[in-house]
């Protein structure tokens, strides 16, 4: 049987049988001993691609996964063919060109966006928020251990803090303490933090890493940096021996807040040492596309020379693709501040519309809402543990699990918070569908 006839037979078989009958042997656990046909390989990949497409991004109101921007995808596809490697940090001096120069330019533009000083700040592109958090803790730990041993250091966070901070502490062997949440702001309570620091000082602990969040995943709320810094400055005058390093996880709100609060200055205090964001969320850049900014003197502490290349080892990852950098560079220039202002204002209107409708369906609802965020936390009932149907949860990717949260007023609540995200791909039409599904299940006006 000739090759052409074989191909037609296989194509006919695909129409009659499931494609897995053609590529099934490729899915076993044995490493392939010989080459398979491109037809079988492509059929298997096509089936996997269809699986990815079956989930409608336009309905994912409950997950922080954005539908990638088509222009960003085109840029990514263009640059990935060159396989650019941005190993090392390229914000310390102007590179010769290529994606390394694009990375330098984007980092400088981020510093400008946050009203920082480029002679004091630098940064690099990461795989995302989790790498940014781990790198931030590495920097902070290195800074504090210049004066105190590891057993004399504590990291302060809240129960709402992203789990990657816990992971980074385990990797770094840094002991962590949860600070109670303020019941009004749903952020770290500044007075509770002060009380805990004083308690630790009495126990002989003088080194502190304060892990703050701008845009908690469950609630969209943010920690009050100014109030916390005010207390820290007071404590530093009172206790001359303490050393404090503030790191900020701004994976979500870090690229939203600057376009709402035009004087957004996270580095206004010298104690803020690192700040990480993730372009894969609001700005919808293909993965991996995070970034971390940090104080230059901290990078100098961890930097090491290497023998395999004429560069210094000063990042967490080694080789890094330059393709996402090119995508970010293109997108921020296509939108600019005015473009992002327009997008955010539109999504906030959609969020507010949704929250008003929710009140009509769930009269006893508790809404956790930060007006500067494109997300919100919903507790369906203050009185009892009300839940959505599994069908609704799976259709719209709306999930929640019970969490025991300790508040600064002494109250502890075992609550289920449903998370809703109003990323640019979420339209009013989608929200109307969600609201209709809720009304069919629970009633409402």
Protein backbone atom coordinates (compact mmCIF):
# COMPACT_ATOMS: atom_id res chain seq x y z
CA UNK A 1 0.00 0.00 0.00
CA UNK A 2 1.51 3.33 -1.08
CA UNK A 3 2.08 6.25 1.24
CA UNK A 4 -0.74 8.28 -0.32
CA UNK A 5 -3.25 5.45 0.10
CA UNK A 6 -2.11 4.90 3.72
CA UNK A 7 -2.66 8.58 4.47
CA UNK A 8 -6.18 8.49 3.00
CA UNK A 9 -7.01 5.37 5.00
CA UNK A 10 -5.87 7.07 8.20
CA UNK A 11 -7.85 10.20 7.42
CA UNK A 12 -10.93 8.08 6.73
CA UNK A 13 -10.39 6.23 9.99
CA UNK A 14 -10.33 9.55 11.84
CA UNK A 15 -13.75 10.38 10.47
CA UNK A 16 -15.17 6.99 11.46
CA UNK A 17 -13.36 6.31 14.74
CA UNK A 18 -12.08 8.43 17.58
CA UNK A 19 -8.66 9.99 16.78
CA UNK A 20 -7.20 8.17 19.78
CA UNK A 21 -7.46 4.95 17.79
CA UNK A 22 -4.83 6.43 15.50
CA UNK A 23 -2.47 7.99 18.06
CA UNK A 24 -3.32 5.87 21.12
CA UNK A 25 0.05 4.14 21.33
CA UNK A 26 1.72 7.55 21.73
CA UNK A 27 -0.01 8.08 25.09
CA UNK A 28 1.56 5.18 26.98
CA UNK A 29 4.27 5.74 29.58
CA UNK A 30 7.14 4.28 27.58
CA UNK A 31 9.72 6.60 26.07
CA UNK A 32 9.39 6.27 22.25
CA UNK A 33 11.88 3.80 20.79
CA UNK A 34 11.46 4.95 17.20
CA UNK A 35 10.04 7.94 15.29
CA UNK A 36 6.27 8.21 14.87
CA UNK A 37 4.59 9.72 11.83
CA UNK A 38 3.91 13.45 11.78
CA UNK A 39 0.27 12.56 11.15
CA UNK A 40 -0.02 10.69 14.47
CA UNK A 41 1.95 13.36 16.34
CA UNK A 42 -0.07 16.25 14.91
CA UNK A 43 -3.34 14.44 15.56
CA UNK A 44 -2.43 13.93 19.21
CA UNK A 45 -1.40 17.57 19.58
CA UNK A 46 -4.55 18.76 17.81
CA UNK A 47 -6.68 16.75 20.23
CA UNK A 48 -4.86 18.35 23.19
CA UNK A 49 -5.26 21.81 21.66
CA UNK A 50 -9.00 21.24 21.32
CA UNK A 51 -9.12 20.29 25.00
CA UNK A 52 -7.61 23.67 25.86
CA UNK A 53 -10.10 25.47 23.63
CA UNK A 54 -13.16 23.75 25.10
CA UNK A 55 -13.02 25.96 28.17
CA UNK A 56 -14.49 29.34 27.31
CA UNK A 57 -12.26 32.05 28.80
CA UNK A 58 -15.13 34.51 28.49
CA UNK A 59 -16.98 32.59 31.23
CA UNK A 60 -14.08 32.32 33.70
CA UNK A 61 -15.26 34.96 36.17
CA UNK A 62 -13.92 33.07 39.17
CA UNK A 63 -10.32 32.49 38.20
CA UNK A 64 -7.35 34.79 37.76
CA UNK A 65 -6.48 33.41 34.34
CA UNK A 66 -6.68 35.93 31.54
CA UNK A 67 -7.49 35.37 27.90
CA UNK A 68 -4.20 36.21 26.21
CA UNK A 69 -4.15 39.41 24.18
CA UNK A 70 -4.04 38.58 20.46
CA UNK A 71 -1.50 41.28 19.68
CA UNK A 72 0.72 39.99 22.49
CA UNK A 73 0.42 36.47 21.07
CA UNK A 74 1.55 37.65 17.63
CA UNK A 75 4.59 39.36 19.13
CA UNK A 76 5.39 36.29 21.20
CA UNK A 77 5.15 34.00 18.16
CA UNK A 78 7.40 36.31 16.16
CA UNK A 79 10.15 36.44 18.78
CA UNK A 80 10.01 32.85 20.02
CA UNK A 81 11.28 31.66 16.63
CA UNK A 82 14.59 33.40 17.46
CA UNK A 83 14.66 31.64 20.87
CA UNK A 84 16.02 34.73 22.69
CA UNK A 85 17.74 34.03 26.01
CA UNK A 86 17.76 36.90 28.52
CA UNK A 87 19.87 35.13 31.14
CA UNK A 88 21.01 37.56 33.83
CA UNK A 89 19.74 40.99 34.83
CA UNK A 90 19.61 43.61 32.07
CA UNK A 91 18.43 46.65 33.99
CA UNK A 92 21.80 47.64 35.45
CA UNK A 93 23.26 48.99 32.21
CA UNK A 94 22.05 49.53 28.65
CA UNK A 95 22.43 46.26 26.66
CA UNK A 96 23.52 46.16 23.02
CA UNK A 97 20.07 45.33 21.59
CA UNK A 98 17.48 42.62 21.00
CA UNK A 99 15.10 41.48 23.75
CA UNK A 100 17.71 42.33 26.39
CA UNK A 101 17.39 45.98 25.41
CA UNK A 102 13.59 45.66 25.44
CA UNK A 103 13.81 44.26 28.99
CA UNK A 104 15.99 47.18 30.06
CA UNK A 105 13.47 49.63 28.60
CA UNK A 106 10.41 47.98 30.19
CA UNK A 107 12.06 47.87 33.64
CA UNK A 108 12.92 51.58 33.38
CA UNK A 109 9.33 52.35 32.34
CA UNK A 110 7.98 50.39 35.33
CA UNK A 111 10.23 52.36 37.66
CA UNK A 112 8.82 55.54 36.12
CA UNK A 113 5.23 54.23 36.42
CA UNK A 114 5.78 53.73 40.16
CA UNK A 115 7.52 57.14 40.52
CA UNK A 116 10.76 55.51 41.63
CA UNK A 117 14.37 56.55 41.08
CA UNK A 118 16.26 54.47 38.51
CA UNK A 119 19.59 55.16 40.21
CA UNK A 120 18.27 53.21 43.24
CA UNK A 121 15.99 50.64 41.62
CA UNK A 122 16.36 47.88 39.06
CA UNK A 123 14.62 44.63 38.21
CA UNK A 124 14.20 41.70 35.87
CA UNK A 125 11.51 39.63 34.18
CA UNK A 126 10.40 36.54 36.10
CA UNK A 127 8.22 33.51 35.37
CA UNK A 128 5.44 35.11 37.43
CA UNK A 129 4.36 36.18 40.89
CA UNK A 130 5.59 33.08 42.69
CA UNK A 131 9.16 33.51 41.44
CA UNK A 132 8.94 37.22 42.25
CA UNK A 133 7.92 36.42 45.84
CA UNK A 134 10.68 33.86 46.29
CA UNK A 135 13.28 36.27 44.90
CA UNK A 136 11.94 39.04 47.15
CA UNK A 137 12.28 36.88 50.26
CA UNK A 138 15.78 35.87 49.18
CA UNK A 139 16.74 39.56 48.96
CA UNK A 140 15.05 40.46 52.25
CA UNK A 141 16.59 37.51 54.08
CA UNK A 142 20.04 38.43 52.76
CA UNK A 143 19.56 42.01 53.92
CA UNK A 144 18.41 41.14 57.44
CA UNK A 145 20.96 38.35 57.96
CA UNK A 146 23.70 40.92 57.43
CA UNK A 147 23.02 41.82 61.05
CA UNK A 148 21.09 38.96 62.62
CA UNK A 149 21.23 35.18 62.45
CA UNK A 150 18.39 33.31 60.78
CA UNK A 151 16.84 32.21 64.09
CA UNK A 152 16.46 35.89 65.00
CA UNK A 153 14.30 36.67 61.95
CA UNK A 154 10.51 36.49 61.56
CA UNK A 155 8.38 37.08 58.47
CA UNK A 156 5.01 38.72 59.14
CA UNK A 157 2.05 38.12 56.83
CA UNK A 158 -1.70 37.41 57.04
CA UNK A 159 -3.82 34.31 56.53
CA UNK A 160 -4.92 35.81 53.20
CA UNK A 161 -1.34 36.05 51.90
CA UNK A 162 -0.67 34.01 48.76
CA UNK A 163 0.60 30.49 49.47
CA UNK A 164 3.81 31.20 47.53
CA UNK A 165 5.02 33.26 50.49
CA UNK A 166 4.66 30.19 52.72
CA UNK A 167 6.49 28.14 50.11
CA UNK A 168 9.30 30.70 49.90
CA UNK A 169 9.64 30.73 53.69
CA UNK A 170 9.95 26.94 53.74
CA UNK A 171 12.62 27.07 51.05
CA UNK A 172 14.46 29.90 52.81
CA UNK A 173 14.01 28.46 56.33
CA UNK A 174 12.41 31.72 57.49
CA UNK A 175 9.91 31.39 60.34
CA UNK A 176 6.58 33.09 59.59
CA UNK A 177 3.84 34.57 61.76
CA UNK A 178 0.26 35.44 60.75
CA UNK A 179 -0.93 38.92 61.70
CA UNK A 180 -4.71 39.28 62.23
CA UNK A 181 -6.79 40.85 59.47
CA UNK A 182 -8.60 44.14 59.98
CA UNK A 183 -12.34 43.38 59.73
CA UNK A 184 -13.07 46.62 57.84
CA UNK A 185 -10.21 46.74 55.34
CA UNK A 186 -9.55 42.99 54.98
CA UNK A 187 -5.84 43.71 55.07
CA UNK A 188 -3.06 43.35 57.63
CA UNK A 189 -4.05 45.25 60.76
CA UNK A 190 -1.29 47.83 61.47
CA UNK A 191 -1.86 47.89 65.25
CA UNK A 192 -1.86 44.09 65.43
CA UNK A 193 1.42 44.10 63.52
CA UNK A 194 2.90 46.59 66.00
CA UNK A 195 1.78 44.44 68.93
CA UNK A 196 3.37 41.33 67.42
CA UNK A 197 6.67 43.07 66.65
CA UNK A 198 6.91 44.34 70.24
CA UNK A 199 6.15 40.84 71.50
CA UNK A 200 8.93 39.39 69.33
CA UNK A 201 11.38 42.07 70.46
CA UNK A 202 10.72 41.08 74.08
CA UNK A 203 11.64 37.53 73.03
CA UNK A 204 14.95 38.71 71.54
CA UNK A 205 13.86 38.86 67.89
CA UNK A 206 15.08 41.97 66.05
CA UNK A 207 14.97 41.07 62.35
CA UNK A 208 11.65 41.36 60.49
CA UNK A 209 10.47 40.77 56.93
CA UNK A 210 7.04 42.33 56.37
CA UNK A 211 5.22 40.63 53.48
CA UNK A 212 2.47 42.92 52.18
CA UNK A 213 -0.05 42.31 49.42
CA UNK A 214 -1.65 44.64 46.89
CA UNK A 215 -4.63 42.62 45.70
CA UNK A 216 -5.27 39.59 47.88
CA UNK A 217 -6.44 36.69 45.67
CA UNK A 218 -9.52 35.97 47.80
CA UNK A 219 -10.73 39.53 48.31
CA UNK A 220 -8.98 41.99 45.99
CA UNK A 221 -8.13 44.13 49.01
CA UNK A 222 -4.70 45.57 49.77
CA UNK A 223 -2.57 46.22 52.82
CA UNK A 224 -2.24 49.84 53.90
CA UNK A 225 1.44 50.54 53.21
CA UNK A 226 1.38 54.10 54.52
CA UNK A 227 -0.21 53.14 57.85
CA UNK A 228 2.17 50.21 58.26
CA UNK A 229 5.21 52.30 57.35
CA UNK A 230 4.17 54.96 59.87
CA UNK A 231 4.22 52.36 62.63
CA UNK A 232 7.51 50.90 61.41
CA UNK A 233 9.22 54.31 61.48
CA UNK A 234 7.97 54.81 65.03
CA UNK A 235 9.27 51.38 66.07
CA UNK A 236 12.67 52.02 64.49
CA UNK A 237 13.08 55.14 66.62
CA UNK A 238 11.94 53.31 69.72
CA UNK A 239 14.03 50.17 69.13
CA UNK A 240 17.31 51.11 67.45
CA UNK A 241 18.38 47.48 67.06
CA UNK A 242 15.58 46.31 64.79
CA UNK A 243 16.10 45.69 61.06
CA UNK A 244 13.06 45.63 58.79
CA UNK A 245 12.61 44.73 55.13
CA UNK A 246 9.24 45.20 53.40
CA UNK A 247 8.40 43.14 50.33
CA UNK A 248 5.20 43.62 48.32
CA UNK A 249 3.31 41.01 46.33
CA UNK A 250 1.46 43.12 43.77
CA UNK A 251 0.97 40.37 41.21
CA UNK A 252 -2.58 41.51 40.47
CA UNK A 253 -3.20 45.09 41.65
CA UNK A 254 0.33 46.26 40.86
CA UNK A 255 -0.65 46.83 37.23
CA UNK A 256 -4.08 48.27 38.04
CA UNK A 257 -3.51 50.67 40.94
CA UNK A 258 -1.09 53.00 39.06
CA UNK A 259 -3.80 53.78 36.51
CA UNK A 260 -6.35 54.60 39.23
CA UNK A 261 -4.12 56.30 41.80
CA UNK A 262 -1.89 58.47 39.64
CA UNK A 263 0.54 59.20 42.46
CA UNK A 264 1.10 55.52 43.25
CA UNK A 265 4.52 55.32 44.97
CA UNK A 266 5.23 51.91 46.54
CA UNK A 267 8.92 52.79 46.96
CA UNK A 268 8.25 56.03 48.86
CA UNK A 269 9.84 54.49 51.95
CA UNK A 270 13.37 53.11 51.93
CA UNK A 271 12.17 50.03 53.82
CA UNK A 272 10.32 48.72 50.76
CA UNK A 273 12.96 46.48 49.22
CA UNK A 274 11.10 44.51 46.53
CA UNK A 275 7.88 44.73 44.54
CA UNK A 276 6.63 42.04 42.14
CA UNK A 277 3.92 42.12 39.45
CA UNK A 278 2.54 39.66 36.91
CA UNK A 279 1.75 40.75 33.35
CA UNK A 280 -0.11 37.49 32.64
CA UNK A 281 -3.11 38.72 34.64
CA UNK A 282 -4.65 42.14 33.92
CA UNK A 283 -2.44 42.91 30.91
CA UNK A 284 -3.01 39.36 29.51
CA UNK A 285 0.52 38.58 28.30
CA UNK A 286 1.25 34.88 27.52
CA UNK A 287 3.00 32.96 30.29
CA UNK A 288 5.62 33.35 31.72
CA UNK A 289 5.59 37.12 32.17
CA UNK A 290 6.23 38.47 35.65
CA UNK A 291 8.58 41.20 36.81
CA UNK A 292 10.24 42.15 40.08
CA UNK A 293 11.68 45.53 41.04
CA UNK A 294 14.12 45.86 43.94
CA UNK A 295 16.68 48.07 45.63
CA UNK A 296 20.02 47.94 43.83
CA UNK A 297 22.06 47.40 46.99
CA UNK A 298 20.17 44.17 47.74
CA UNK A 299 21.09 42.65 44.38
CA UNK A 300 24.71 43.41 45.13
CA UNK A 301 24.47 41.26 48.29
CA UNK A 302 23.36 38.10 46.47
CA UNK A 303 25.27 38.60 43.20
CA UNK A 304 27.96 36.05 42.33
CA UNK A 305 30.40 35.81 39.42
CA UNK A 306 30.23 32.70 37.21
CA UNK A 307 32.85 30.95 35.10
CA UNK A 308 30.64 29.73 32.24
CA UNK A 309 29.71 33.15 30.82
CA UNK A 310 30.78 36.82 31.03
CA UNK A 311 27.77 37.66 33.25
CA UNK A 312 26.93 37.69 36.93
CA UNK A 313 24.48 35.32 38.59
CA UNK A 314 21.95 37.71 40.11
CA UNK A 315 18.51 36.28 39.30
CA UNK A 316 16.58 33.30 40.61
CA UNK A 317 16.23 31.54 37.28
CA UNK A 318 19.07 31.15 34.83
CA UNK A 319 18.02 31.16 31.19
CA UNK A 320 14.89 33.23 30.58
CA UNK A 321 12.98 33.68 27.34
CA UNK A 322 12.96 37.17 25.86
CA UNK A 323 9.70 36.56 23.94
CA UNK A 324 7.37 37.58 26.82
CA UNK A 325 9.46 40.72 27.29
CA UNK A 326 8.81 41.69 23.68
CA UNK A 327 5.08 41.05 24.19
CA UNK A 328 5.00 43.31 27.27
CA UNK A 329 6.96 46.03 25.47
CA UNK A 330 4.48 45.98 22.59
CA UNK A 331 1.35 45.95 24.74
CA UNK A 332 2.31 48.80 27.08
CA UNK A 333 3.13 51.00 24.09
CA UNK A 334 -0.06 50.06 22.29
CA UNK A 335 -2.24 50.99 25.30
CA UNK A 336 -0.33 53.61 27.25
CA UNK A 337 -1.73 55.12 30.45
CA UNK A 338 -4.83 56.49 28.72
CA UNK A 339 -5.63 53.12 27.16
CA UNK A 340 -5.37 51.30 30.48
CA UNK A 341 -7.44 54.00 32.17
CA UNK A 342 -10.22 53.33 29.70
CA UNK A 343 -10.06 49.54 30.11
CA UNK A 344 -10.03 49.70 33.91
CA UNK A 345 -12.90 52.20 34.12
CA UNK A 346 -15.02 49.95 31.91
CA UNK A 347 -14.26 46.83 33.98
CA UNK A 348 -14.99 48.65 37.26
CA UNK A 349 -18.42 49.60 35.88
CA UNK A 350 -19.03 45.93 35.08
CA UNK A 351 -17.90 44.94 38.58
CA UNK A 352 -20.18 47.47 40.26
CA UNK A 353 -23.09 46.33 38.12
CA UNK A 354 -22.45 42.74 39.21
CA UNK A 355 -22.24 43.65 42.90
CA UNK A 356 -25.54 45.56 42.75
CA UNK A 357 -27.25 42.56 41.16
CA UNK A 358 -25.76 40.19 43.74
CA UNK A 359 -27.38 42.18 46.56
CA UNK A 360 -30.80 41.60 44.97
CA UNK A 361 -30.28 37.84 44.84
CA UNK A 362 -28.59 37.38 48.22
CA UNK A 363 -30.06 39.93 50.68
CA UNK A 364 -27.77 38.69 53.45
CA UNK A 365 -24.65 38.77 51.28
CA UNK A 366 -21.31 40.10 52.57
CA UNK A 367 -19.33 41.85 49.84
CA UNK A 368 -15.60 42.44 50.21
CA UNK A 369 -14.77 45.17 47.75
CA UNK A 370 -11.79 47.42 47.12
CA UNK A 371 -12.76 50.20 44.67
CA UNK A 372 -9.21 50.13 43.28
CA UNK A 373 -9.34 46.46 42.33
CA UNK A 374 -10.85 44.46 39.48
CA UNK A 375 -11.82 41.64 41.83
CA UNK A 376 -14.15 41.12 44.73
CA UNK A 377 -14.85 38.54 47.42
CA UNK A 378 -18.40 37.36 48.05
CA UNK A 379 -19.71 35.60 51.15
CA UNK A 380 -23.20 34.55 50.05
CA UNK A 381 -24.68 34.68 53.53
CA UNK A 382 -23.47 36.19 56.79
CA UNK A 383 -25.68 33.81 58.78
CA UNK A 384 -24.86 30.40 57.35
CA UNK A 385 -22.61 28.61 54.89
CA UNK A 386 -24.46 29.11 51.62
CA UNK A 387 -22.86 27.57 48.53
CA UNK A 388 -23.29 27.64 44.77
CA UNK A 389 -24.21 24.56 42.81
CA UNK A 390 -21.40 22.42 41.45
CA UNK A 391 -22.70 23.08 37.93
CA UNK A 392 -22.36 26.85 38.35
CA UNK A 393 -18.95 26.53 40.00
CA UNK A 394 -17.59 24.43 37.15
CA UNK A 395 -19.19 26.46 34.37
CA UNK A 396 -17.85 29.81 35.56
CA UNK A 397 -14.77 28.53 37.43
CA UNK A 398 -16.13 29.95 40.69
CA UNK A 399 -14.58 28.05 43.57
CA UNK A 400 -14.28 28.61 47.29
CA UNK A 401 -13.23 26.61 50.29
CA UNK A 402 -13.75 27.28 53.95
CA UNK A 403 -10.95 29.21 55.61
CA UNK A 404 -10.54 30.12 59.26
CA UNK A 405 -9.67 33.83 59.37
CA UNK A 406 -8.57 35.58 62.56
CA UNK A 407 -9.46 39.26 62.82
CA UNK A 408 -7.88 42.00 64.89
CA UNK A 409 -11.07 42.48 66.96
CA UNK A 410 -10.54 39.00 68.42
CA UNK A 411 -13.13 37.34 66.20
CA UNK A 412 -12.33 34.16 64.23
CA UNK A 413 -14.58 33.18 61.34
CA UNK A 414 -14.73 29.93 59.38
CA UNK A 415 -15.92 31.39 56.09
CA UNK A 416 -16.26 30.53 52.42
CA UNK A 417 -15.25 33.39 50.11
CA UNK A 418 -16.19 33.18 46.45
CA UNK A 419 -13.71 35.08 44.27
CA UNK A 420 -14.77 37.08 41.21
CA UNK A 421 -12.36 38.68 38.74
CA UNK A 422 -13.34 41.28 36.18
CA UNK A 423 -10.45 41.00 33.75
CA UNK A 424 -10.70 42.70 30.33
CA UNK A 425 -12.14 39.60 28.62
CA UNK A 426 -15.13 39.58 31.00
CA UNK A 427 -18.04 41.48 29.44
CA UNK A 428 -21.45 42.62 30.71
CA UNK A 429 -22.96 39.83 28.62
CA UNK A 430 -21.00 37.28 30.64
CA UNK A 431 -22.08 38.90 33.90
CA UNK A 432 -25.72 38.84 32.79
CA UNK A 433 -25.38 35.09 32.14
CA UNK A 434 -23.90 34.56 35.60
CA UNK A 435 -26.63 36.62 37.25
CA UNK A 436 -29.33 34.70 35.38
CA UNK A 437 -27.81 31.39 36.54
CA UNK A 438 -27.84 32.64 40.13
CA UNK A 439 -31.47 33.77 39.87
CA UNK A 440 -32.58 30.41 38.48
CA UNK A 441 -30.93 28.66 41.44
CA UNK A 442 -31.70 31.09 44.27
CA UNK A 443 -34.42 33.39 43.01
CA UNK A 444 -34.13 37.15 43.39
CA UNK A 445 -35.60 40.27 41.88
